[in-house]
Amino acid sequence: MAEDLNIAVLNATYKLEQSDNEGRRVVGTVWLVNLGNKTNPKIALVSAHHVLDGMKRNEAVVHWRAQDDDGNWHRYPTPIAIRDDNGNAMWLHHPEKDIAVMWINAPESVVNKAIMYENLAGERTISDLDINLGDEMLALGYPKGLSANELGFPILRSGKVASYPIVPIRQFPSFLMDFSVFSGNSGGPVYMSDKILNRTKDNKKDKRFIAGLLTQQVNIDSERLEIGIVLHASFIKDMLKELAGDEDDLIS
């Protein structure tokens, strides 16, 4: 990936919202992954299952962004279907983990901003780079529904890996991240940038990858501990493979 991963993940991340029957907003973070290739893209939306499941109406609004020919950014709030006419979920969700994926017909201006599937880390990436306690990671989202500006860009947060060990994934499917989490952050991508991981001896290794998905904060007795729970990207990859099914031109 030649592009700065900070900008790449930023451009793939969007706010999703819906008003409930009492007029209250339900907000979460979604991001796009390309399961095809640049010439034949196949775009999936990724988020936390509880974000989509908490939206009971058939449509939700995603806040797309795009640049015009003069380079000016614009925000395009657009309804998308998340349930069919009978109210059934259009997404797949992991049977045990808080992960949801679904196909989405994204605007052409957004399609080329999706993160490529190969940028999601598997357990081998985490192990080879010796990602561990105290390493800094980054997360994008919309705390309390807040955007960075009127264009709808997500807000960047950072925190250190706060639990040990984080592999093997079958034993430790999630890890803790030391930063404040609010409603609206759920579903957002957690990733590592080569700008903050410089100790690896093998400089040829790509140190930019999506590490996982932020699901929720840690609470004890209704008190927020300013700790987030991150599910490993391996589970996202599993769900995307299931979504792709047996289509030969997609991921294998």
C-alpha atoms as a PDB file:
ATOM      1  CA  MET A   1       0.000   0.000   0.000  1.00  0.00           C
ATOM      2  CA  ALA A   2       1.677   3.186  -1.194  1.00  0.00           C
ATOM      3  CA  GLU A   3      -0.850   5.534   0.379  1.00  0.00           C
ATOM      4  CA  ASP A   4      -0.567   6.713   3.973  1.00  0.00           C
ATOM      5  CA  LEU A   5      -2.741   4.216   5.844  1.00  0.00           C
ATOM      6  CA  ASN A   6      -4.113   6.990   8.066  1.00  0.00           C
ATOM      7  CA  ILE A   7      -5.659   8.679   5.030  1.00  0.00           C
ATOM      8  CA  ALA A   8      -6.675   5.391   3.405  1.00  0.00           C
ATOM      9  CA  VAL A   9      -8.634   4.188   6.434  1.00  0.00           C
ATOM     10  CA  LEU A  10     -10.058   7.678   6.996  1.00  0.00           C
ATOM     11  CA  ASN A  11     -11.463   7.729   3.468  1.00  0.00           C
ATOM     12  CA  ALA A  12     -13.015   4.279   3.912  1.00  0.00           C
ATOM     13  CA  THR A  13     -14.798   5.136   7.192  1.00  0.00           C
ATOM     14  CA  TYR A  14     -18.276   6.689   7.449  1.00  0.00           C
ATOM     15  CA  LYS A  15     -21.026   7.542   9.891  1.00  0.00           C
ATOM     16  CA  LEU A  16     -24.201   5.457   9.848  1.00  0.00           C
ATOM     17  CA  GLU A  17     -27.285   6.690  11.677  1.00  0.00           C
ATOM     18  CA  GLN A  18     -30.983   6.128  12.126  1.00  0.00           C
ATOM     19  CA  SER A  19     -33.688   7.721  14.273  1.00  0.00           C
ATOM     20  CA  ASP A  20     -35.640   5.380  16.519  1.00  0.00           C
ATOM     21  CA  ASN A  21     -39.375   5.587  17.182  1.00  0.00           C
ATOM     22  CA  GLU A  22     -38.802   8.184  19.893  1.00  0.00           C
ATOM     23  CA  GLY A  23     -36.746  10.372  17.577  1.00  0.00           C
ATOM     24  CA  ARG A  24     -33.440   9.522  19.206  1.00  0.00           C
ATOM     25  CA  ARG A  25     -30.452   8.968  16.954  1.00  0.00           C
ATOM     26  CA  VAL A  26     -28.730   5.599  16.827  1.00  0.00           C
ATOM     27  CA  VAL A  27     -25.205   6.170  15.494  1.00  0.00           C
ATOM     28  CA  GLY A  28     -22.350   3.856  14.638  1.00  0.00           C
ATOM     29  CA  THR A  29     -19.222   3.658  12.534  1.00  0.00           C
ATOM     30  CA  VAL A  30     -18.939   1.647   9.319  1.00  0.00           C
ATOM     31  CA  TRP A  31     -16.099   1.090   6.883  1.00  0.00           C
ATOM     32  CA  LEU A  32     -15.723  -0.362   3.423  1.00  0.00           C
ATOM     33  CA  VAL A  33     -13.621  -3.294   2.234  1.00  0.00           C
ATOM     34  CA  ASN A  34     -13.045  -4.252  -1.404  1.00  0.00           C
ATOM     35  CA  LEU A  35     -13.275  -8.020  -1.882  1.00  0.00           C
ATOM     36  CA  GLY A  36     -12.589  -7.763  -5.599  1.00  0.00           C
ATOM     37  CA  ASN A  37      -9.857  -5.675  -7.149  1.00  0.00           C
ATOM     38  CA  LYS A  38      -9.386  -2.152  -8.451  1.00  0.00           C
ATOM     39  CA  THR A  39     -10.795  -2.958 -11.892  1.00  0.00           C
ATOM     40  CA  ASN A  40     -13.611  -5.194 -10.656  1.00  0.00           C
ATOM     41  CA  PRO A  41     -14.499  -3.950  -7.167  1.00  0.00           C
ATOM     42  CA  LYS A  42     -16.914  -5.756  -4.871  1.00  0.00           C
ATOM     43  CA  ILE A  43     -17.648  -3.624  -1.840  1.00  0.00           C
ATOM     44  CA  ALA A  44     -18.642  -4.849   1.602  1.00  0.00           C
ATOM     45  CA  LEU A  45     -19.675  -2.738   4.574  1.00  0.00           C
ATOM     46  CA  VAL A  46     -18.154  -3.722   7.933  1.00  0.00           C
ATOM     47  CA  SER A  47     -19.349  -2.743  11.391  1.00  0.00           C
ATOM     48  CA  ALA A  48     -20.250  -4.117  14.802  1.00  0.00           C
ATOM     49  CA  HIS A  49     -23.318  -6.361  14.764  1.00  0.00           C
ATOM     50  CA  HIS A  50     -24.954  -4.440  17.603  1.00  0.00           C
ATOM     51  CA  VAL A  51     -24.771  -1.209  15.571  1.00  0.00           C
ATOM     52  CA  LEU A  52     -26.895  -2.590  12.730  1.00  0.00           C
ATOM     53  CA  ASP A  53     -29.054  -4.712  15.003  1.00  0.00           C
ATOM     54  CA  GLY A  54     -29.896  -1.619  17.049  1.00  0.00           C
ATOM     55  CA  MET A  55     -31.315   0.066  13.958  1.00  0.00           C
ATOM     56  CA  LYS A  56     -34.811  -1.398  13.675  1.00  0.00           C
ATOM     57  CA  ARG A  57     -36.027   0.389  10.560  1.00  0.00           C
ATOM     58  CA  ASN A  58     -35.328  -0.926   7.085  1.00  0.00           C
ATOM     59  CA  GLU A  59     -33.170   2.012   6.027  1.00  0.00           C
ATOM     60  CA  ALA A  60     -30.336   3.897   7.660  1.00  0.00           C
ATOM     61  CA  VAL A  61     -28.450   6.976   6.490  1.00  0.00           C
ATOM     62  CA  VAL A  62     -24.784   6.762   5.594  1.00  0.00           C
ATOM     63  CA  HIS A  63     -22.858  10.014   5.255  1.00  0.00           C
ATOM     64  CA  TRP A  64     -20.817   9.574   2.084  1.00  0.00           C
ATOM     65  CA  ARG A  65     -18.102  12.088   1.205  1.00  0.00           C
ATOM     66  CA  ALA A  66     -16.601  12.932  -2.168  1.00  0.00           C
ATOM     67  CA  GLN A  67     -14.498  15.577  -3.872  1.00  0.00           C
ATOM     68  CA  ASP A  68     -15.715  17.548  -6.866  1.00  0.00           C
ATOM     69  CA  ASP A  69     -13.606  18.395  -9.916  1.00  0.00           C
ATOM     70  CA  ASP A  70     -12.171  21.414  -8.105  1.00  0.00           C
ATOM     71  CA  GLY A  71     -10.989  19.306  -5.190  1.00  0.00           C
ATOM     72  CA  ASN A  72     -13.669  20.524  -2.774  1.00  0.00           C
ATOM     73  CA  TRP A  73     -15.171  17.975  -0.379  1.00  0.00           C
ATOM     74  CA  HIS A  74     -18.925  17.481  -0.014  1.00  0.00           C
ATOM     75  CA  ARG A  75     -21.033  15.301   2.268  1.00  0.00           C
ATOM     76  CA  TYR A  76     -23.883  13.233   0.812  1.00  0.00           C
ATOM     77  CA  PRO A  77     -26.249  11.758   3.424  1.00  0.00           C
ATOM     78  CA  THR A  78     -27.836   8.807   1.610  1.00  0.00           C
ATOM     79  CA  PRO A  79     -30.406   6.211   2.715  1.00  0.00           C
ATOM     80  CA  ILE A  80     -29.279   2.599   2.338  1.00  0.00           C
ATOM     81  CA  ALA A  81     -31.242  -0.592   2.933  1.00  0.00           C
ATOM     82  CA  ILE A  82     -30.104  -2.625   5.931  1.00  0.00           C
ATOM     83  CA  ARG A  83     -33.229  -4.784   6.177  1.00  0.00           C
ATOM     84  CA  ASP A  84     -35.496  -6.204   3.498  1.00  0.00           C
ATOM     85  CA  ASP A  85     -39.184  -5.368   3.081  1.00  0.00           C
ATOM     86  CA  ASN A  86     -40.055  -7.934   5.749  1.00  0.00           C
ATOM     87  CA  GLY A  87     -37.657  -6.399   8.246  1.00  0.00           C
ATOM     88  CA  ASN A  88     -35.073  -9.169   7.965  1.00  0.00           C
ATOM     89  CA  ALA A  89     -31.413  -8.254   8.366  1.00  0.00           C
ATOM     90  CA  MET A  90     -29.460  -7.913   5.113  1.00  0.00           C
ATOM     91  CA  TRP A  91     -26.134  -8.429   6.850  1.00  0.00           C
ATOM     92  CA  LEU A  92     -24.262 -11.515   7.988  1.00  0.00           C
ATOM     93  CA  HIS A  93     -23.084 -11.587  11.549  1.00  0.00           C
ATOM     94  CA  HIS A  94     -20.573 -13.740  13.332  1.00  0.00           C
ATOM     95  CA  PRO A  95     -22.252 -16.428  15.460  1.00  0.00           C
ATOM     96  CA  GLU A  96     -20.208 -15.466  18.527  1.00  0.00           C
ATOM     97  CA  LYS A  97     -18.442 -12.161  17.870  1.00  0.00           C
ATOM     98  CA  ASP A  98     -19.897  -8.668  17.503  1.00  0.00           C
ATOM     99  CA  ILE A  99     -19.145  -8.366  13.783  1.00  0.00           C
ATOM    100  CA  ALA A 100     -21.450  -7.662  10.825  1.00  0.00           C
ATOM    101  CA  VAL A 101     -20.733  -7.532   7.088  1.00  0.00           C
ATOM    102  CA  MET A 102     -22.980  -6.866   4.109  1.00  0.00           C
ATOM    103  CA  TRP A 103     -22.748  -6.081   0.418  1.00  0.00           C
ATOM    104  CA  ILE A 104     -23.331  -2.462  -0.447  1.00  0.00           C
ATOM    105  CA  ASN A 105     -23.880  -0.644  -3.713  1.00  0.00           C
ATOM    106  CA  ALA A 106     -21.638   2.325  -2.903  1.00  0.00           C
ATOM    107  CA  PRO A 107     -21.351   5.418  -5.129  1.00  0.00           C
ATOM    108  CA  GLU A 108     -18.581   5.322  -7.717  1.00  0.00           C
ATOM    109  CA  SER A 109     -16.787   8.170  -5.942  1.00  0.00           C
ATOM    110  CA  VAL A 110     -16.613   6.039  -2.788  1.00  0.00           C
ATOM    111  CA  VAL A 111     -15.810   2.626  -4.262  1.00  0.00           C
ATOM    112  CA  ASN A 112     -12.157   3.409  -4.922  1.00  0.00           C
ATOM    113  CA  LYS A 113     -11.739   4.501  -1.297  1.00  0.00           C
ATOM    114  CA  ALA A 114     -12.499   1.054   0.140  1.00  0.00           C
ATOM    115  CA  ILE A 115      -9.720  -0.757   1.983  1.00  0.00           C
ATOM    116  CA  MET A 116      -8.433  -3.792   0.114  1.00  0.00           C
ATOM    117  CA  TYR A 117      -9.107  -7.116   1.797  1.00  0.00           C
ATOM    118  CA  GLU A 118      -5.410  -7.994   2.012  1.00  0.00           C
ATOM    119  CA  ASN A 119      -4.832  -5.091   4.424  1.00  0.00           C
ATOM    120  CA  LEU A 120      -6.721  -6.930   7.173  1.00  0.00           C
ATOM    121  CA  ALA A 121      -4.269  -8.624   9.498  1.00  0.00           C
ATOM    122  CA  GLY A 122      -4.341 -12.309  10.266  1.00  0.00           C
ATOM    123  CA  GLU A 123      -2.715 -13.901  13.282  1.00  0.00           C
ATOM    124  CA  ARG A 124       0.561 -14.372  11.400  1.00  0.00           C
ATOM    125  CA  THR A 125       0.925 -10.619  10.863  1.00  0.00           C
ATOM    126  CA  ILE A 126       0.367  -9.932  14.553  1.00  0.00           C
ATOM    127  CA  SER A 127       2.899 -12.591  15.526  1.00  0.00           C
ATOM    128  CA  ASP A 128       5.550 -11.730  12.913  1.00  0.00           C
ATOM    129  CA  LEU A 129       5.572  -8.069  13.934  1.00  0.00           C
ATOM    130  CA  ASP A 130       5.472  -9.009  17.631  1.00  0.00           C
ATOM    131  CA  ILE A 131       2.522  -6.709  18.311  1.00  0.00           C
ATOM    132  CA  ASN A 132       2.068  -6.679  22.040  1.00  0.00           C
ATOM    133  CA  LEU A 133       1.388  -4.868  25.298  1.00  0.00           C
ATOM    134  CA  GLY A 134       2.173  -1.146  25.118  1.00  0.00           C
ATOM    135  CA  ASP A 135       2.123  -0.844  21.326  1.00  0.00           C
ATOM    136  CA  GLU A 136       0.138   2.123  20.080  1.00  0.00           C
ATOM    137  CA  MET A 137      -2.831   1.671  17.784  1.00  0.00           C
ATOM    138  CA  LEU A 138      -5.207   4.087  16.101  1.00  0.00           C
ATOM    139  CA  ALA A 139      -8.992   4.060  15.822  1.00  0.00           C
ATOM    140  CA  LEU A 140     -11.492   6.045  13.763  1.00  0.00           C
ATOM    141  CA  GLY A 141     -15.082   6.721  14.716  1.00  0.00           C
ATOM    142  CA  TYR A 142     -17.842   9.098  15.696  1.00  0.00           C
ATOM    143  CA  PRO A 143     -17.952   9.473  19.510  1.00  0.00           C
ATOM    144  CA  LYS A 144     -21.496  10.412  20.546  1.00  0.00           C
ATOM    145  CA  GLY A 145     -22.170  10.866  16.818  1.00  0.00           C
ATOM    146  CA  LEU A 146     -19.662  13.714  16.568  1.00  0.00           C
ATOM    147  CA  SER A 147     -17.804  14.211  13.289  1.00  0.00           C
ATOM    148  CA  ALA A 148     -14.470  15.971  12.923  1.00  0.00           C
ATOM    149  CA  ASN A 149     -16.173  18.665  10.813  1.00  0.00           C
ATOM    150  CA  GLU A 150     -19.280  19.400   8.761  1.00  0.00           C
ATOM    151  CA  LEU A 151     -17.997  17.150   5.968  1.00  0.00           C
ATOM    152  CA  GLY A 152     -18.526  14.079   8.124  1.00  0.00           C
ATOM    153  CA  PHE A 153     -14.949  12.907   8.522  1.00  0.00           C
ATOM    154  CA  PRO A 154     -14.385  10.543  11.462  1.00  0.00           C
ATOM    155  CA  ILE A 155     -12.331  11.472  14.505  1.00  0.00           C
ATOM    156  CA  LEU A 156      -8.959   9.807  15.071  1.00  0.00           C
ATOM    157  CA  ARG A 157      -8.152   8.408  18.513  1.00  0.00           C
ATOM    158  CA  SER A 158      -5.089   6.551  19.722  1.00  0.00           C
ATOM    159  CA  GLY A 159      -4.305   4.218  22.586  1.00  0.00           C
ATOM    160  CA  LYS A 160      -1.930   1.509  23.665  1.00  0.00           C
ATOM    161  CA  VAL A 161      -2.590  -2.199  23.656  1.00  0.00           C
ATOM    162  CA  ALA A 162      -3.623  -2.712  27.267  1.00  0.00           C
ATOM    163  CA  SER A 163      -3.837  -6.495  27.613  1.00  0.00           C
ATOM    164  CA  TYR A 164      -1.364  -9.366  27.397  1.00  0.00           C
ATOM    165  CA  PRO A 165      -1.041 -11.628  25.506  1.00  0.00           C
ATOM    166  CA  ILE A 166      -3.066 -10.945  22.369  1.00  0.00           C
ATOM    167  CA  VAL A 167      -2.264 -14.163  20.504  1.00  0.00           C
ATOM    168  CA  PRO A 168      -3.052 -16.965  19.870  1.00  0.00           C
ATOM    169  CA  ILE A 169      -6.352 -15.593  18.586  1.00  0.00           C
ATOM    170  CA  ARG A 170      -8.290 -18.783  19.338  1.00  0.00           C
ATOM    171  CA  GLN A 171      -7.473 -18.208  23.009  1.00  0.00           C
ATOM    172  CA  PHE A 172      -7.570 -14.401  22.966  1.00  0.00           C
ATOM    173  CA  PRO A 173     -10.187 -13.360  20.349  1.00  0.00           C
ATOM    174  CA  SER A 174     -10.118  -9.765  21.556  1.00  0.00           C
ATOM    175  CA  PHE A 175      -7.679  -7.408  23.207  1.00  0.00           C
ATOM    176  CA  LEU A 176      -7.963  -4.225  25.235  1.00  0.00           C
ATOM    177  CA  MET A 177      -7.000  -0.760  24.076  1.00  0.00           C
ATOM    178  CA  ASP A 178      -6.355   2.084  26.499  1.00  0.00           C
ATOM    179  CA  PHE A 179      -8.592   4.922  25.329  1.00  0.00           C
ATOM    180  CA  SER A 180     -12.049   6.345  25.962  1.00  0.00           C
ATOM    181  CA  VAL A 181     -14.876   4.792  23.968  1.00  0.00           C
ATOM    182  CA  PHE A 182     -18.289   6.356  23.464  1.00  0.00           C
ATOM    183  CA  SER A 183     -21.473   5.359  21.686  1.00  0.00           C
ATOM    184  CA  GLY A 184     -20.889   6.051  18.004  1.00  0.00           C
ATOM    185  CA  ASN A 185     -17.350   4.643  18.104  1.00  0.00           C
ATOM    186  CA  SER A 186     -18.670   1.095  17.846  1.00  0.00           C
ATOM    187  CA  GLY A 187     -17.811  -0.665  14.613  1.00  0.00           C
ATOM    188  CA  GLY A 188     -14.842   1.546  13.805  1.00  0.00           C
ATOM    189  CA  PRO A 189     -11.563   0.183  12.404  1.00  0.00           C
ATOM    190  CA  VAL A 190      -8.532  -0.199  14.658  1.00  0.00           C
ATOM    191  CA  TYR A 191      -5.239  -0.182  12.834  1.00  0.00           C
ATOM    192  CA  MET A 192      -1.488   0.268  13.085  1.00  0.00           C
ATOM    193  CA  SER A 193       0.543   2.726  11.068  1.00  0.00           C
ATOM    194  CA  ASP A 194       4.193   2.347  10.136  1.00  0.00           C
ATOM    195  CA  LYS A 195       4.686   5.820  11.604  1.00  0.00           C
ATOM    196  CA  ILE A 196       4.187   4.421  15.089  1.00  0.00           C
ATOM    197  CA  LEU A 197       5.820   0.996  14.755  1.00  0.00           C
ATOM    198  CA  ASN A 198       9.538   1.328  14.113  1.00  0.00           C
ATOM    199  CA  ARG A 199      11.206  -1.325  16.239  1.00  0.00           C
ATOM    200  CA  THR A 200      10.818  -4.229  13.809  1.00  0.00           C
ATOM    201  CA  LYS A 201      14.244  -5.254  12.556  1.00  0.00           C
ATOM    202  CA  ASP A 202      12.996  -6.316   9.131  1.00  0.00           C
ATOM    203  CA  ASN A 203      12.307  -2.964   7.470  1.00  0.00           C
ATOM    204  CA  LYS A 204      10.947  -4.736   4.388  1.00  0.00           C
ATOM    205  CA  LYS A 205       7.863  -5.867   6.275  1.00  0.00           C
ATOM    206  CA  ASP A 206       4.767  -3.749   5.775  1.00  0.00           C
ATOM    207  CA  LYS A 207       3.853  -2.380   9.187  1.00  0.00           C
ATOM    208  CA  ARG A 208       0.504  -0.973   8.067  1.00  0.00           C
ATOM    209  CA  PHE A 209      -2.536  -3.123   8.658  1.00  0.00           C
ATOM    210  CA  ILE A 210      -6.067  -3.244  10.024  1.00  0.00           C
ATOM    211  CA  ALA A 211      -5.806  -4.931  13.421  1.00  0.00           C
ATOM    212  CA  GLY A 212      -9.480  -5.247  14.223  1.00  0.00           C
ATOM    213  CA  LEU A 213     -12.808  -3.648  14.997  1.00  0.00           C
ATOM    214  CA  LEU A 214     -13.829  -1.673  18.060  1.00  0.00           C
ATOM    215  CA  THR A 215     -16.893  -3.200  19.692  1.00  0.00           C
ATOM    216  CA  GLN A 216     -17.493  -1.573  23.057  1.00  0.00           C
ATOM    217  CA  GLN A 217     -16.068  -0.003  26.172  1.00  0.00           C
ATOM    218  CA  VAL A 218     -15.355  -1.756  29.448  1.00  0.00           C
ATOM    219  CA  ASN A 219     -17.785  -0.938  32.264  1.00  0.00           C
ATOM    220  CA  ILE A 220     -17.796  -2.108  35.867  1.00  0.00           C
ATOM    221  CA  ASP A 221     -20.793  -1.242  38.031  1.00  0.00           C
ATOM    222  CA  SER A 222     -21.926   1.285  35.382  1.00  0.00           C
ATOM    223  CA  GLU A 223     -18.570   3.072  35.568  1.00  0.00           C
ATOM    224  CA  ARG A 224     -16.585   3.641  32.369  1.00  0.00           C
ATOM    225  CA  LEU A 225     -12.982   2.514  32.640  1.00  0.00           C
ATOM    226  CA  GLU A 226     -11.749   4.284  29.471  1.00  0.00           C
ATOM    227  CA  ILE A 227     -10.808   0.935  27.955  1.00  0.00           C
ATOM    228  CA  GLY A 228     -11.992  -0.338  24.582  1.00  0.00           C
ATOM    229  CA  ILE A 229     -12.495  -3.924  23.432  1.00  0.00           C
ATOM    230  CA  VAL A 230     -11.089  -4.765  19.990  1.00  0.00           C
ATOM    231  CA  LEU A 231     -11.968  -7.917  18.061  1.00  0.00           C
ATOM    232  CA  HIS A 232      -9.169  -9.300  15.899  1.00  0.00           C
ATOM    233  CA  ALA A 233      -9.424  -8.714  12.145  1.00  0.00           C
ATOM    234  CA  SER A 234      -9.149 -12.470  11.590  1.00  0.00           C
ATOM    235  CA  PHE A 235     -12.830 -12.774  12.512  1.00  0.00           C
ATOM    236  CA  ILE A 236     -13.729 -10.012  10.057  1.00  0.00           C
ATOM    237  CA  LYS A 237     -11.841 -11.905   7.354  1.00  0.00           C
ATOM    238  CA  ASP A 238     -13.793 -15.058   8.185  1.00  0.00           C
ATOM    239  CA  MET A 239     -17.092 -13.222   7.787  1.00  0.00           C
ATOM    240  CA  LEU A 240     -16.014 -11.578   4.536  1.00  0.00           C
ATOM    241  CA  LYS A 241     -15.052 -14.980   3.150  1.00  0.00           C
ATOM    242  CA  GLU A 242     -18.490 -16.276   4.081  1.00  0.00           C
ATOM    243  CA  LEU A 243     -20.080 -13.250   2.419  1.00  0.00           C
ATOM    244  CA  ALA A 244     -18.068 -13.827  -0.760  1.00  0.00           C
ATOM    245  CA  GLY A 245     -19.041 -17.494  -0.810  1.00  0.00           C
ATOM    246  CA  ASP A 246     -17.794 -19.459  -3.811  1.00  0.00           C
ATOM    247  CA  GLU A 247     -17.357 -16.544  -6.206  1.00  0.00           C
ATOM    248  CA  ASP A 248     -14.096 -17.347  -7.984  1.00  0.00           C
ATOM    249  CA  ASP A 249     -13.173 -13.757  -8.749  1.00  0.00           C
ATOM    250  CA  LEU A 250     -13.278 -12.722  -5.102  1.00  0.00           C
ATOM    251  CA  ILE A 251     -11.136 -13.582  -2.090  1.00  0.00           C
ATOM    252  CA  SER A 252     -10.152 -17.191  -1.507  1.00  0.00           C
END
